[in-house]
Amino acid sequence: MSFHQITCKVNGAEEIVTVPSNMTLLTMLREVLSLTGTKNGCTAGECGACTVLVDGEPVNSCMMLAVEAEGKDIVTVEGLAVDGKLDIVQETIIEKGGVQCGFCTPGMLISARALLNRNPNPSEEDVVEALVGNLCRCTGYSRIIESVQAAAKRS
């Protein structure tokens, strides 16, 4: 197995890490950088629990190799809060009760942030479409959708 040194920006900080060629971005984030907010749900790109932003786009980190992160800007759920202040999508998901067990929440928040970055005034249909890759077993989605719409109104 070969190892590679990569440099990327994670939550605004430059990181230089040495990773095996077969390590996923998810594993690098959780096990090398100790950013455990990103969850390992299915390891098959189906559930969205591991969603992070890579150069502003939502990506299932279980499906991306860490070596592919070379030179990329990555934002995890830990990077949504700035200077101790929660992102508006984090605030509204708490206020609207869009969190139950919380396992899907990091991926939902990242997907919601990506949506609001590209469309600050999404329709309900836009929100549903943006969250389609994120599975939740607990909430039934309505409070999550309400949370994203409330965040859009307050942004």
Protein backbone atom coordinates (compact mmCIF):
# COMPACT_ATOMS: atom_id res chain seq x y z
CA MET A 1 0.00 0.00 0.00
CA SER A 2 1.29 3.43 -0.85
CA PHE A 3 0.97 6.57 1.27
CA HIS A 4 0.51 10.13 0.06
CA GLN A 5 1.01 13.47 1.73
CA ILE A 6 -1.82 15.83 0.92
CA THR A 7 -2.51 19.44 1.73
CA CYS A 8 -6.04 20.73 1.94
CA LYS A 9 -8.03 23.30 3.86
CA VAL A 10 -10.49 21.90 6.39
CA ASN A 11 -12.86 24.31 8.11
CA GLY A 12 -10.57 27.17 7.18
CA ALA A 13 -7.33 25.63 8.49
CA GLU A 14 -4.60 24.23 6.27
CA GLU A 15 -4.04 20.56 6.99
CA ILE A 16 -1.07 18.48 5.84
CA VAL A 17 -1.73 14.78 6.34
CA THR A 18 -0.23 11.51 5.20
CA VAL A 19 -2.86 8.99 4.16
CA PRO A 20 -2.90 5.57 2.54
CA SER A 21 -4.07 5.58 -1.07
CA ASN A 22 -7.28 3.70 -0.21
CA MET A 23 -8.43 5.88 2.72
CA THR A 24 -11.71 7.70 2.23
CA LEU A 25 -12.18 11.36 3.00
CA LEU A 26 -14.66 10.30 5.69
CA THR A 27 -12.04 8.18 7.45
CA MET A 28 -9.44 10.94 7.17
CA LEU A 29 -11.81 13.48 8.70
CA ARG A 30 -12.92 11.21 11.55
CA GLU A 31 -9.80 9.22 12.36
CA VAL A 32 -6.89 11.42 11.31
CA LEU A 33 -8.31 14.90 12.01
CA SER A 34 -10.70 13.84 14.82
CA LEU A 35 -13.65 15.66 13.22
CA THR A 36 -16.32 13.18 14.30
CA GLY A 37 -19.35 15.32 13.47
CA THR A 38 -19.41 13.80 10.00
CA LYS A 39 -21.15 10.43 10.45
CA ASN A 40 -20.47 7.05 8.90
CA GLY A 41 -23.88 5.74 7.96
CA CYS A 42 -23.76 3.36 5.03
CA THR A 43 -20.29 3.60 3.41
CA ALA A 44 -22.05 3.32 0.07
CA GLY A 45 -23.06 6.92 -0.71
CA GLU A 46 -26.74 6.22 -0.07
CA CYS A 47 -27.62 7.88 3.25
CA GLY A 48 -25.93 11.30 3.20
CA ALA A 49 -24.82 11.19 6.85
CA CYS A 50 -21.22 11.77 5.71
CA THR A 51 -21.96 14.79 3.52
CA VAL A 52 -19.34 17.57 3.56
CA LEU A 53 -18.73 20.55 1.33
CA VAL A 54 -15.81 20.16 -1.07
CA ASP A 55 -15.07 23.43 -2.85
CA GLY A 56 -18.61 24.49 -1.94
CA GLU A 57 -20.39 21.42 -3.29
CA PRO A 58 -22.00 18.70 -1.14
CA VAL A 59 -20.11 15.40 -1.43
CA ASN A 60 -20.58 12.02 0.22
CA SER A 61 -17.21 11.76 1.94
CA CYS A 62 -17.48 7.96 2.13
CA MET A 63 -17.26 7.87 -1.67
CA MET A 64 -14.28 10.20 -2.09
CA LEU A 65 -10.70 9.16 -1.52
CA ALA A 66 -8.71 11.34 0.84
CA VAL A 67 -6.00 11.78 -1.83
CA GLU A 68 -8.64 13.46 -4.01
CA ALA A 69 -8.86 16.21 -1.38
CA GLU A 70 -5.45 17.56 -2.40
CA GLY A 71 -5.78 21.33 -2.76
CA LYS A 72 -9.49 21.31 -1.93
CA ASP A 73 -11.44 23.43 0.54
CA ILE A 74 -13.50 21.17 2.81
CA VAL A 75 -16.19 22.21 5.28
CA THR A 76 -17.59 19.76 7.81
CA VAL A 77 -20.47 20.33 10.20
CA GLU A 78 -17.91 21.58 12.74
CA GLY A 79 -16.97 24.33 10.29
CA LEU A 80 -20.48 25.76 9.93
CA ALA A 81 -20.25 27.71 13.18
CA VAL A 82 -18.06 30.81 12.97
CA ASP A 83 -16.42 32.36 16.05
CA GLY A 84 -18.66 30.27 18.31
CA LYS A 85 -21.86 31.45 16.60
CA LEU A 86 -23.99 28.74 15.04
CA ASP A 87 -24.85 28.95 11.36
CA ILE A 88 -28.45 30.00 10.77
CA VAL A 89 -29.33 26.47 9.56
CA GLN A 90 -28.02 25.08 12.84
CA GLU A 91 -30.06 27.60 14.84
CA THR A 92 -33.30 26.98 12.97
CA ILE A 93 -33.07 23.18 13.02
CA ILE A 94 -32.84 23.41 16.82
CA GLU A 95 -35.66 25.97 17.07
CA LYS A 96 -38.02 24.04 14.78
CA GLY A 97 -37.35 20.65 16.37
CA GLY A 98 -35.77 19.20 13.23
CA VAL A 99 -33.42 17.02 15.28
CA GLN A 100 -34.37 13.75 16.89
CA CYS A 101 -31.66 11.09 17.12
CA GLY A 102 -29.27 13.49 15.35
CA PHE A 103 -27.44 10.94 13.23
CA CYS A 104 -28.54 12.45 9.91
CA THR A 105 -28.27 16.04 11.16
CA PRO A 106 -24.68 16.82 10.09
CA GLY A 107 -25.38 15.77 6.50
CA MET A 108 -28.72 17.58 6.46
CA LEU A 109 -27.08 20.77 7.73
CA ILE A 110 -24.31 20.61 5.12
CA SER A 111 -26.79 19.98 2.30
CA ALA A 112 -29.00 22.82 3.56
CA ARG A 113 -26.03 25.20 3.73
CA ALA A 114 -25.03 24.25 0.16
CA LEU A 115 -28.59 24.98 -1.01
CA LEU A 116 -28.74 28.37 0.71
CA ASN A 117 -25.32 29.29 -0.67
CA ARG A 118 -26.55 28.79 -4.24
CA ASN A 119 -30.21 29.75 -3.72
CA PRO A 120 -30.93 32.09 -0.79
CA ASN A 121 -34.69 31.96 -1.39
CA PRO A 122 -35.56 28.30 -2.10
CA SER A 123 -39.06 27.00 -2.57
CA GLU A 124 -40.23 23.97 -0.58
CA GLU A 125 -39.60 21.89 -3.70
CA ASP A 126 -36.02 23.25 -3.90
CA VAL A 127 -35.43 22.25 -0.27
CA VAL A 128 -36.82 18.75 -0.80
CA GLU A 129 -34.65 18.31 -3.88
CA ALA A 130 -31.53 19.53 -2.07
CA LEU A 131 -32.09 17.08 0.79
CA VAL A 132 -33.03 14.08 -1.37
CA GLY A 133 -29.65 12.41 -0.77
CA ASN A 134 -29.99 12.61 3.01
CA LEU A 135 -32.01 9.90 4.72
CA CYS A 136 -33.70 10.38 8.09
CA ARG A 137 -35.49 7.65 9.99
CA CYS A 138 -36.89 9.80 12.78
CA THR A 139 -38.37 13.16 11.81
CA GLY A 140 -40.44 12.56 8.72
CA TYR A 141 -38.58 15.49 7.11
CA SER A 142 -41.27 18.15 7.60
CA ARG A 143 -39.50 19.89 10.49
CA ILE A 144 -36.18 19.73 8.65
CA ILE A 145 -37.75 21.33 5.58
CA GLU A 146 -39.40 23.98 7.79
CA SER A 147 -36.00 24.62 9.40
CA VAL A 148 -34.30 25.25 6.06
CA GLN A 149 -37.10 27.54 4.92
CA ALA A 150 -36.90 29.49 8.21
CA ALA A 151 -33.12 29.81 7.77
CA ALA A 152 -33.65 31.19 4.26
CA LYS A 153 -36.07 33.83 5.56
CA ARG A 154 -33.63 34.92 8.27
CA SER A 155 -30.51 34.93 6.11
